[in-house]
Amino acid sequence: MKNRMFALAMGVVCFLALSGTCRAVELLTSDQAVKEMFPDADKVDTVKKTLDAKQLAAIKEKLGGTLVYKGSGKGNTWKPETEYTVYYGVKGGEKTGVAIMEEEPGKWGPVKYIVLLDPKTAKVKNMAVMSLSEKRGRPISTKNFLSQFTGKGEGVSIGKGVTGVSGATISSECTCFTVNKVIAIYQELSK
């Protein structure tokens, strides 16, 4: 009887301990993400670029006064990146796309994205979630959700051509913020 009670108690403790935790899930490595964005490219060129204070100020203004997604409540402790690796897909000698990886604070932890833009229009061609720590926000990593951003430019938001994931408002808004931020970064780095 004591053994059964102990086993039951341990089972309850383990369930409670595990149900409250949220582990980061890596969906794509950096190499896998780049290959997914440029499946038909002859080559992918990479360039490291650093944003200066003037560029950061311009991006911050475009994003409504912040460089970090604040909806999660974790934005106050999150330090924005200033150095980016920019990936250019090249086919037939022409740049067919530009991809940038960006990580923002989600509700339960960081969410890392790769966003592929048209190099001429800065509109989204493709995107993927590379890793996330979200409990209810995991559907933001599905093609069904992410395909809504294809063809969108700056100013994307929930309710304006993008339907959020029910029960995952913060994760959905974080994705919109990230798309707008990547577009702004690319525009500033292209000047």
Protein backbone atom coordinates (compact mmCIF):
# COMPACT_ATOMS: atom_id res chain seq x y z
CA MET A 1 0.00 0.00 0.00
CA LYS A 2 2.83 2.40 0.88
CA ASN A 3 4.57 1.65 -2.41
CA ARG A 4 1.42 2.40 -4.41
CA MET A 5 0.86 5.68 -2.58
CA PHE A 6 4.50 6.64 -3.10
CA ALA A 7 4.31 5.78 -6.81
CA LEU A 8 1.08 7.74 -7.19
CA ALA A 9 2.54 10.74 -5.36
CA MET A 10 5.69 10.65 -7.52
CA GLY A 11 3.56 10.43 -10.65
CA VAL A 12 1.56 13.51 -9.62
CA VAL A 13 4.74 15.43 -8.76
CA CYS A 14 6.32 14.55 -12.12
CA PHE A 15 3.17 15.51 -14.01
CA LEU A 16 2.94 18.88 -12.27
CA ALA A 17 6.63 19.57 -12.72
CA LEU A 18 6.61 18.71 -16.42
CA SER A 19 3.29 20.34 -17.30
CA GLY A 20 4.51 23.73 -16.10
CA THR A 21 7.76 23.64 -18.03
CA CYS A 22 8.26 24.64 -21.58
CA ARG A 23 11.34 23.52 -23.45
CA ALA A 24 12.73 25.20 -26.51
CA VAL A 25 12.08 23.20 -29.65
CA GLU A 26 14.52 23.53 -32.54
CA LEU A 27 12.63 23.04 -35.78
CA LEU A 28 15.39 24.05 -38.19
CA THR A 29 19.12 24.58 -37.87
CA SER A 30 20.55 27.68 -39.55
CA ASP A 31 21.77 25.60 -42.50
CA GLN A 32 18.40 23.87 -42.90
CA ALA A 33 16.57 27.21 -42.74
CA VAL A 34 18.76 28.77 -45.43
CA LYS A 35 18.28 25.71 -47.69
CA GLU A 36 14.51 25.91 -47.16
CA MET A 37 14.45 29.58 -48.15
CA PHE A 38 16.61 29.09 -51.26
CA PRO A 39 15.86 25.60 -52.63
CA ASP A 40 16.58 26.52 -56.27
CA ALA A 41 19.48 28.94 -55.80
CA ASP A 42 22.75 28.32 -57.63
CA LYS A 43 24.49 29.69 -54.56
CA VAL A 44 23.82 31.62 -51.36
CA ASP A 45 26.08 34.56 -50.54
CA THR A 46 26.38 35.65 -46.92
CA VAL A 47 27.32 39.12 -45.77
CA LYS A 48 27.70 40.28 -42.16
CA LYS A 49 26.30 43.75 -41.64
CA THR A 50 26.15 45.98 -38.58
CA LEU A 51 23.45 48.54 -37.93
CA ASP A 52 24.69 51.95 -36.80
CA ALA A 53 22.89 54.25 -34.34
CA LYS A 54 21.14 56.17 -37.12
CA GLN A 55 19.83 52.96 -38.71
CA LEU A 56 18.67 51.60 -35.34
CA ALA A 57 16.79 54.86 -34.67
CA ALA A 58 15.07 54.63 -38.07
CA ILE A 59 14.06 51.00 -37.45
CA LYS A 60 12.81 51.86 -33.97
CA GLU A 61 10.65 54.63 -35.41
CA LYS A 62 9.16 52.29 -38.04
CA LEU A 63 8.34 49.79 -35.29
CA GLY A 64 6.44 52.25 -33.14
CA GLY A 65 9.24 53.24 -30.79
CA THR A 66 10.75 49.87 -29.86
CA LEU A 67 13.37 47.50 -31.25
CA VAL A 68 12.06 44.51 -29.29
CA TYR A 69 8.60 42.94 -29.18
CA LYS A 70 7.05 44.08 -25.88
CA GLY A 71 3.78 42.12 -25.86
CA SER A 72 5.31 39.22 -23.98
CA GLY A 73 6.36 41.36 -21.03
CA LYS A 74 9.95 40.16 -21.57
CA GLY A 75 10.92 42.96 -23.96
CA ASN A 76 12.31 45.15 -21.19
CA THR A 77 15.20 42.74 -20.56
CA TRP A 78 15.79 41.72 -24.18
CA LYS A 79 18.78 43.29 -25.91
CA PRO A 80 18.26 43.92 -29.63
CA GLU A 81 20.84 42.67 -32.11
CA THR A 82 22.94 45.12 -34.09
CA GLU A 83 24.86 42.64 -36.25
CA TYR A 84 23.13 40.46 -38.81
CA THR A 85 24.14 37.87 -41.33
CA VAL A 86 22.26 38.60 -44.54
CA TYR A 87 21.75 35.70 -46.95
CA TYR A 88 21.37 36.41 -50.67
CA GLY A 89 20.06 33.66 -52.92
CA VAL A 90 21.60 33.87 -56.39
CA LYS A 91 20.31 32.15 -59.52
CA GLY A 92 21.61 32.86 -63.01
CA GLY A 93 23.78 35.65 -61.62
CA GLU A 94 20.81 37.56 -60.12
CA LYS A 95 19.78 37.96 -56.50
CA THR A 96 16.45 36.18 -56.17
CA GLY A 97 15.90 36.70 -52.48
CA VAL A 98 17.35 38.02 -49.25
CA ALA A 99 16.90 36.26 -45.91
CA ILE A 100 17.50 37.48 -42.38
CA MET A 101 17.22 35.54 -39.13
CA GLU A 102 15.66 37.31 -36.16
CA GLU A 103 14.86 36.23 -32.60
CA GLU A 104 12.22 37.91 -30.43
CA PRO A 105 10.81 37.19 -26.97
CA GLY A 106 7.64 35.13 -27.07
CA LYS A 107 5.39 34.51 -24.09
CA TRP A 108 7.38 31.52 -22.80
CA GLY A 109 10.79 32.18 -24.31
CA PRO A 110 12.58 33.15 -27.50
CA VAL A 111 11.12 32.57 -30.94
CA LYS A 112 13.63 32.48 -33.80
CA TYR A 113 12.55 33.12 -37.38
CA ILE A 114 14.05 33.30 -40.83
CA VAL A 115 12.27 35.67 -43.21
CA LEU A 116 12.88 35.66 -46.97
CA LEU A 117 12.19 38.92 -48.79
CA ASP A 118 12.05 39.91 -52.43
CA PRO A 119 15.23 42.02 -52.83
CA LYS A 120 13.44 44.57 -55.05
CA THR A 121 10.15 45.07 -53.18
CA ALA A 122 11.05 43.99 -49.62
CA LYS A 123 7.87 41.88 -49.54
CA VAL A 124 7.80 38.48 -47.87
CA LYS A 125 8.44 35.53 -50.19
CA ASN A 126 8.69 32.85 -47.50
CA MET A 127 9.41 32.43 -43.82
CA ALA A 128 9.87 29.77 -41.17
CA VAL A 129 10.06 29.44 -37.42
CA MET A 130 13.46 27.95 -36.56
CA SER A 131 12.91 27.45 -32.83
CA LEU A 132 10.37 28.35 -30.18
CA SER A 133 9.50 27.84 -26.53
CA GLU A 134 5.80 28.51 -26.81
CA LYS A 135 3.17 26.29 -25.20
CA ARG A 136 -0.01 27.45 -26.92
CA GLY A 137 1.75 29.35 -29.69
CA ARG A 138 3.24 26.38 -31.50
CA PRO A 139 0.78 26.70 -34.42
CA ILE A 140 2.66 29.87 -35.48
CA SER A 141 5.28 27.51 -36.92
CA THR A 142 2.84 25.91 -39.37
CA LYS A 143 2.81 26.70 -43.09
CA ASN A 144 -0.91 27.43 -42.73
CA PHE A 145 -0.17 30.39 -40.44
CA LEU A 146 3.09 31.56 -42.00
CA SER A 147 1.80 31.49 -45.60
CA GLN A 148 -0.46 34.44 -44.70
CA PHE A 149 2.63 36.68 -44.75
CA THR A 150 3.62 35.83 -48.34
CA GLY A 151 3.39 38.95 -50.50
CA LYS A 152 3.00 41.26 -47.50
CA GLY A 153 5.16 44.33 -46.98
CA GLU A 154 5.74 46.67 -44.07
CA GLY A 155 2.89 47.41 -41.69
CA VAL A 156 1.62 43.84 -41.41
CA SER A 157 -0.56 43.16 -38.36
CA ILE A 158 -3.24 40.86 -37.02
CA GLY A 159 -6.57 41.81 -38.58
CA LYS A 160 -4.94 43.38 -41.64
CA GLY A 161 -4.59 40.38 -43.91
CA VAL A 162 -3.26 38.12 -41.15
CA THR A 163 -5.45 35.99 -38.89
CA GLY A 164 -3.89 35.25 -35.51
CA VAL A 165 -3.81 31.86 -33.87
CA SER A 166 -6.69 31.48 -31.41
CA GLY A 167 -5.31 31.31 -27.88
CA ALA A 168 -1.87 32.45 -29.03
CA THR A 169 -2.27 36.19 -29.46
CA ILE A 170 1.20 37.05 -28.15
CA SER A 171 2.90 34.53 -30.45
CA SER A 172 0.89 35.76 -33.45
CA GLU A 173 1.68 39.40 -32.73
CA CYS A 174 5.34 38.53 -32.16
CA THR A 175 5.42 37.05 -35.67
CA CYS A 176 3.95 40.25 -37.17
CA PHE A 177 6.45 42.36 -35.24
CA THR A 178 9.32 40.20 -36.49
CA VAL A 179 8.21 40.47 -40.14
CA ASN A 180 7.99 44.26 -39.85
CA LYS A 181 11.38 44.37 -38.12
CA VAL A 182 13.12 42.23 -40.76
CA ILE A 183 11.68 44.42 -43.52
CA ALA A 184 12.89 47.55 -41.71
CA ILE A 185 16.34 46.03 -41.14
CA TYR A 186 16.66 45.10 -44.80
CA GLN A 187 15.53 48.54 -45.94
CA GLU A 188 18.09 50.23 -43.69
CA LEU A 189 20.92 47.90 -44.65
CA SER A 190 20.13 48.39 -48.35
CA LYS A 191 20.55 52.17 -48.30
